[in-house]
Amino acid sequence: QVQLVESGGGLVQPGGSLRLSCAASGSIFSTYAMGWYRQAPGKQREFLARITPGGSTNYADSVKGRFTISTDNAKSTVYLQMNSLKPEDTAVYYCYANYSWGQGTQVTVSS
């Protein structure tokens, strides 16, 4: 079972940036793809970004060009750099790997 712990959420103004981190137990990046999802109140959890062990990435259209997923294998951490944030990006953000989810971190975009 993979243990995932997200951090880095908070309150940011529209147009601002945040970087989310997801610390994973063990060296899983060479084995599993890692992903970021989010869930806004009253909505289904939606896919945002994914990175494979080989470093290939793909993004949801809603965040393409604004969000970037990356990993630091030495720190067993996956990041989500979020730029040009919009109020509609407000949600709880989750890290995912190998059928395991983190506890989530709240991101609120508001002036």
C-alpha atoms as a PDB file:
ATOM      1  CA  GLN A   1       0.000   0.000   0.000  1.00  0.00           C
ATOM      2  CA  VAL A   2       1.345   3.378  -1.028  1.00  0.00           C
ATOM      3  CA  GLN A   3       1.135   6.196   1.514  1.00  0.00           C
ATOM      4  CA  LEU A   4       0.593   9.656   0.026  1.00  0.00           C
ATOM      5  CA  VAL A   5       0.597  12.973   1.905  1.00  0.00           C
ATOM      6  CA  GLU A   6      -0.298  16.217   0.139  1.00  0.00           C
ATOM      7  CA  SER A   7       0.667  19.705   1.245  1.00  0.00           C
ATOM      8  CA  GLY A   8       0.908  23.223  -0.132  1.00  0.00           C
ATOM      9  CA  GLY A   9      -2.718  24.185  -0.419  1.00  0.00           C
ATOM     10  CA  GLY A  10      -4.085  27.501   0.795  1.00  0.00           C
ATOM     11  CA  LEU A  11      -5.813  30.711  -0.143  1.00  0.00           C
ATOM     12  CA  VAL A  12      -4.567  32.564  -3.219  1.00  0.00           C
ATOM     13  CA  GLN A  13      -5.878  35.464  -5.261  1.00  0.00           C
ATOM     14  CA  PRO A  14      -7.019  34.989  -8.857  1.00  0.00           C
ATOM     15  CA  GLY A  15      -4.024  35.007 -11.160  1.00  0.00           C
ATOM     16  CA  GLY A  16      -1.746  33.751  -8.419  1.00  0.00           C
ATOM     17  CA  SER A  17       0.294  30.576  -8.113  1.00  0.00           C
ATOM     18  CA  LEU A  18       0.656  27.651  -5.742  1.00  0.00           C
ATOM     19  CA  ARG A  19       2.804  24.563  -5.717  1.00  0.00           C
ATOM     20  CA  LEU A  20       1.329  21.405  -4.255  1.00  0.00           C
ATOM     21  CA  SER A  21       3.520  18.588  -3.009  1.00  0.00           C
ATOM     22  CA  CYS A  22       2.747  14.923  -2.519  1.00  0.00           C
ATOM     23  CA  ALA A  23       5.204  12.904  -0.490  1.00  0.00           C
ATOM     24  CA  ALA A  24       5.062   9.187  -1.203  1.00  0.00           C
ATOM     25  CA  SER A  25       6.263   6.284   0.891  1.00  0.00           C
ATOM     26  CA  GLY A  26       8.982   4.254  -0.704  1.00  0.00           C
ATOM     27  CA  SER A  27      10.519   4.638  -4.113  1.00  0.00           C
ATOM     28  CA  ILE A  28       7.426   4.292  -6.222  1.00  0.00           C
ATOM     29  CA  PHE A  29       8.199   6.658  -9.040  1.00  0.00           C
ATOM     30  CA  SER A  30      10.127   4.053 -10.958  1.00  0.00           C
ATOM     31  CA  THR A  31       7.120   1.728 -10.832  1.00  0.00           C
ATOM     32  CA  TYR A  32       3.865   3.679 -10.875  1.00  0.00           C
ATOM     33  CA  ALA A  33       2.435   6.630 -12.672  1.00  0.00           C
ATOM     34  CA  MET A  34       1.480   9.486 -10.359  1.00  0.00           C
ATOM     35  CA  GLY A  35      -1.526  11.692 -10.765  1.00  0.00           C
ATOM     36  CA  TRP A  36      -3.282  14.750  -9.418  1.00  0.00           C
ATOM     37  CA  TYR A  37      -7.061  15.076  -9.167  1.00  0.00           C
ATOM     38  CA  ARG A  38      -9.405  17.583  -7.589  1.00  0.00           C
ATOM     39  CA  GLN A  39     -12.923  17.663  -6.273  1.00  0.00           C
ATOM     40  CA  ALA A  40     -14.979  20.805  -5.921  1.00  0.00           C
ATOM     41  CA  PRO A  41     -18.065  20.939  -3.677  1.00  0.00           C
ATOM     42  CA  GLY A  42     -20.981  19.162  -5.293  1.00  0.00           C
ATOM     43  CA  LYS A  43     -18.879  17.895  -8.191  1.00  0.00           C
ATOM     44  CA  GLN A  44     -17.212  14.634  -9.112  1.00  0.00           C
ATOM     45  CA  ARG A  45     -13.511  14.140  -8.656  1.00  0.00           C
ATOM     46  CA  GLU A  46     -11.758  15.104 -11.868  1.00  0.00           C
ATOM     47  CA  PHE A  47      -8.429  14.185 -13.387  1.00  0.00           C
ATOM     48  CA  LEU A  48      -5.866  16.981 -13.718  1.00  0.00           C
ATOM     49  CA  ALA A  49      -2.437  15.618 -14.570  1.00  0.00           C
ATOM     50  CA  ARG A  50      -0.396  12.434 -14.757  1.00  0.00           C
ATOM     51  CA  ILE A  51       3.285  11.580 -15.003  1.00  0.00           C
ATOM     52  CA  THR A  52       4.651   8.157 -15.900  1.00  0.00           C
ATOM     53  CA  PRO A  53       7.849   6.557 -14.602  1.00  0.00           C
ATOM     54  CA  GLY A  54       9.435   7.516 -17.899  1.00  0.00           C
ATOM     55  CA  GLY A  55       8.504  11.156 -17.389  1.00  0.00           C
ATOM     56  CA  SER A  56       5.703  11.403 -19.922  1.00  0.00           C
ATOM     57  CA  THR A  57       2.946  13.760 -18.884  1.00  0.00           C
ATOM     58  CA  ASN A  58      -0.623  14.455 -19.836  1.00  0.00           C
ATOM     59  CA  TYR A  59      -3.103  17.056 -18.629  1.00  0.00           C
ATOM     60  CA  ALA A  60      -6.782  17.806 -18.567  1.00  0.00           C
ATOM     61  CA  ASP A  61      -7.772  20.487 -21.041  1.00  0.00           C
ATOM     62  CA  SER A  62      -8.975  22.659 -18.166  1.00  0.00           C
ATOM     63  CA  VAL A  63      -5.449  23.030 -16.754  1.00  0.00           C
ATOM     64  CA  LYS A  64      -3.213  22.512 -19.784  1.00  0.00           C
ATOM     65  CA  GLY A  65      -0.735  25.359 -20.073  1.00  0.00           C
ATOM     66  CA  ARG A  66      -1.363  26.519 -16.498  1.00  0.00           C
ATOM     67  CA  PHE A  67      -0.455  23.475 -14.386  1.00  0.00           C
ATOM     68  CA  THR A  68       2.738  21.434 -14.490  1.00  0.00           C
ATOM     69  CA  ILE A  69       3.338  18.045 -12.882  1.00  0.00           C
ATOM     70  CA  SER A  70       6.841  16.960 -11.955  1.00  0.00           C
ATOM     71  CA  THR A  71       8.666  14.576  -9.643  1.00  0.00           C
ATOM     72  CA  ASP A  72      11.743  14.613  -7.453  1.00  0.00           C
ATOM     73  CA  ASN A  73      12.735  10.972  -7.157  1.00  0.00           C
ATOM     74  CA  ALA A  74      15.333  11.692  -4.503  1.00  0.00           C
ATOM     75  CA  LYS A  75      12.617  13.171  -2.288  1.00  0.00           C
ATOM     76  CA  SER A  76       9.905  10.693  -3.352  1.00  0.00           C
ATOM     77  CA  THR A  77       7.716  13.694  -4.056  1.00  0.00           C
ATOM     78  CA  VAL A  78       5.438  14.678  -6.903  1.00  0.00           C
ATOM     79  CA  TYR A  79       4.578  18.331  -7.444  1.00  0.00           C
ATOM     80  CA  LEU A  80       1.800  20.251  -9.103  1.00  0.00           C
ATOM     81  CA  GLN A  81       2.795  23.779 -10.028  1.00  0.00           C
ATOM     82  CA  MET A  82      -0.354  25.811 -10.558  1.00  0.00           C
ATOM     83  CA  ASN A  83      -0.200  29.187 -12.264  1.00  0.00           C
ATOM     84  CA  SER A  84      -2.817  31.693 -13.403  1.00  0.00           C
ATOM     85  CA  LEU A  85      -5.253  30.327 -10.865  1.00  0.00           C
ATOM     86  CA  LYS A  86      -8.950  31.008 -11.291  1.00  0.00           C
ATOM     87  CA  PRO A  87     -11.839  30.905  -8.812  1.00  0.00           C
ATOM     88  CA  GLU A  88     -13.074  27.761 -10.544  1.00  0.00           C
ATOM     89  CA  ASP A  89      -9.844  26.028  -9.515  1.00  0.00           C
ATOM     90  CA  THR A  90     -11.115  26.068  -5.941  1.00  0.00           C
ATOM     91  CA  ALA A  91     -11.285  22.456  -4.773  1.00  0.00           C
ATOM     92  CA  VAL A  92      -9.671  19.794  -2.647  1.00  0.00           C
ATOM     93  CA  TYR A  93      -6.649  18.470  -4.527  1.00  0.00           C
ATOM     94  CA  TYR A  94      -5.633  14.825  -4.276  1.00  0.00           C
ATOM     95  CA  CYS A  95      -2.563  12.852  -5.184  1.00  0.00           C
ATOM     96  CA  TYR A  96      -3.027   9.352  -6.640  1.00  0.00           C
ATOM     97  CA  ALA A  97      -0.810   6.337  -7.263  1.00  0.00           C
ATOM     98  CA  ASN A  98      -1.411   2.614  -7.513  1.00  0.00           C
ATOM     99  CA  TYR A  99      -5.016   2.696  -6.302  1.00  0.00           C
ATOM    100  CA  SER A 100      -4.053   4.853  -3.304  1.00  0.00           C
ATOM    101  CA  TRP A 101      -5.193   8.401  -2.519  1.00  0.00           C
ATOM    102  CA  GLY A 102      -3.792  11.038  -0.252  1.00  0.00           C
ATOM    103  CA  GLN A 103      -5.952  12.892   2.249  1.00  0.00           C
ATOM    104  CA  GLY A 104      -6.237  15.968   0.057  1.00  0.00           C
ATOM    105  CA  THR A 105      -5.253  19.599   0.418  1.00  0.00           C
ATOM    106  CA  GLN A 106      -7.643  22.534   0.062  1.00  0.00           C
ATOM    107  CA  VAL A 107      -7.003  25.181  -2.572  1.00  0.00           C
ATOM    108  CA  THR A 108      -9.148  28.311  -2.492  1.00  0.00           C
ATOM    109  CA  VAL A 109      -8.863  30.953  -5.193  1.00  0.00           C
ATOM    110  CA  SER A 110     -10.598  34.122  -4.132  1.00  0.00           C
ATOM    111  CA  SER A 111     -10.042  37.844  -3.862  1.00  0.00           C
END
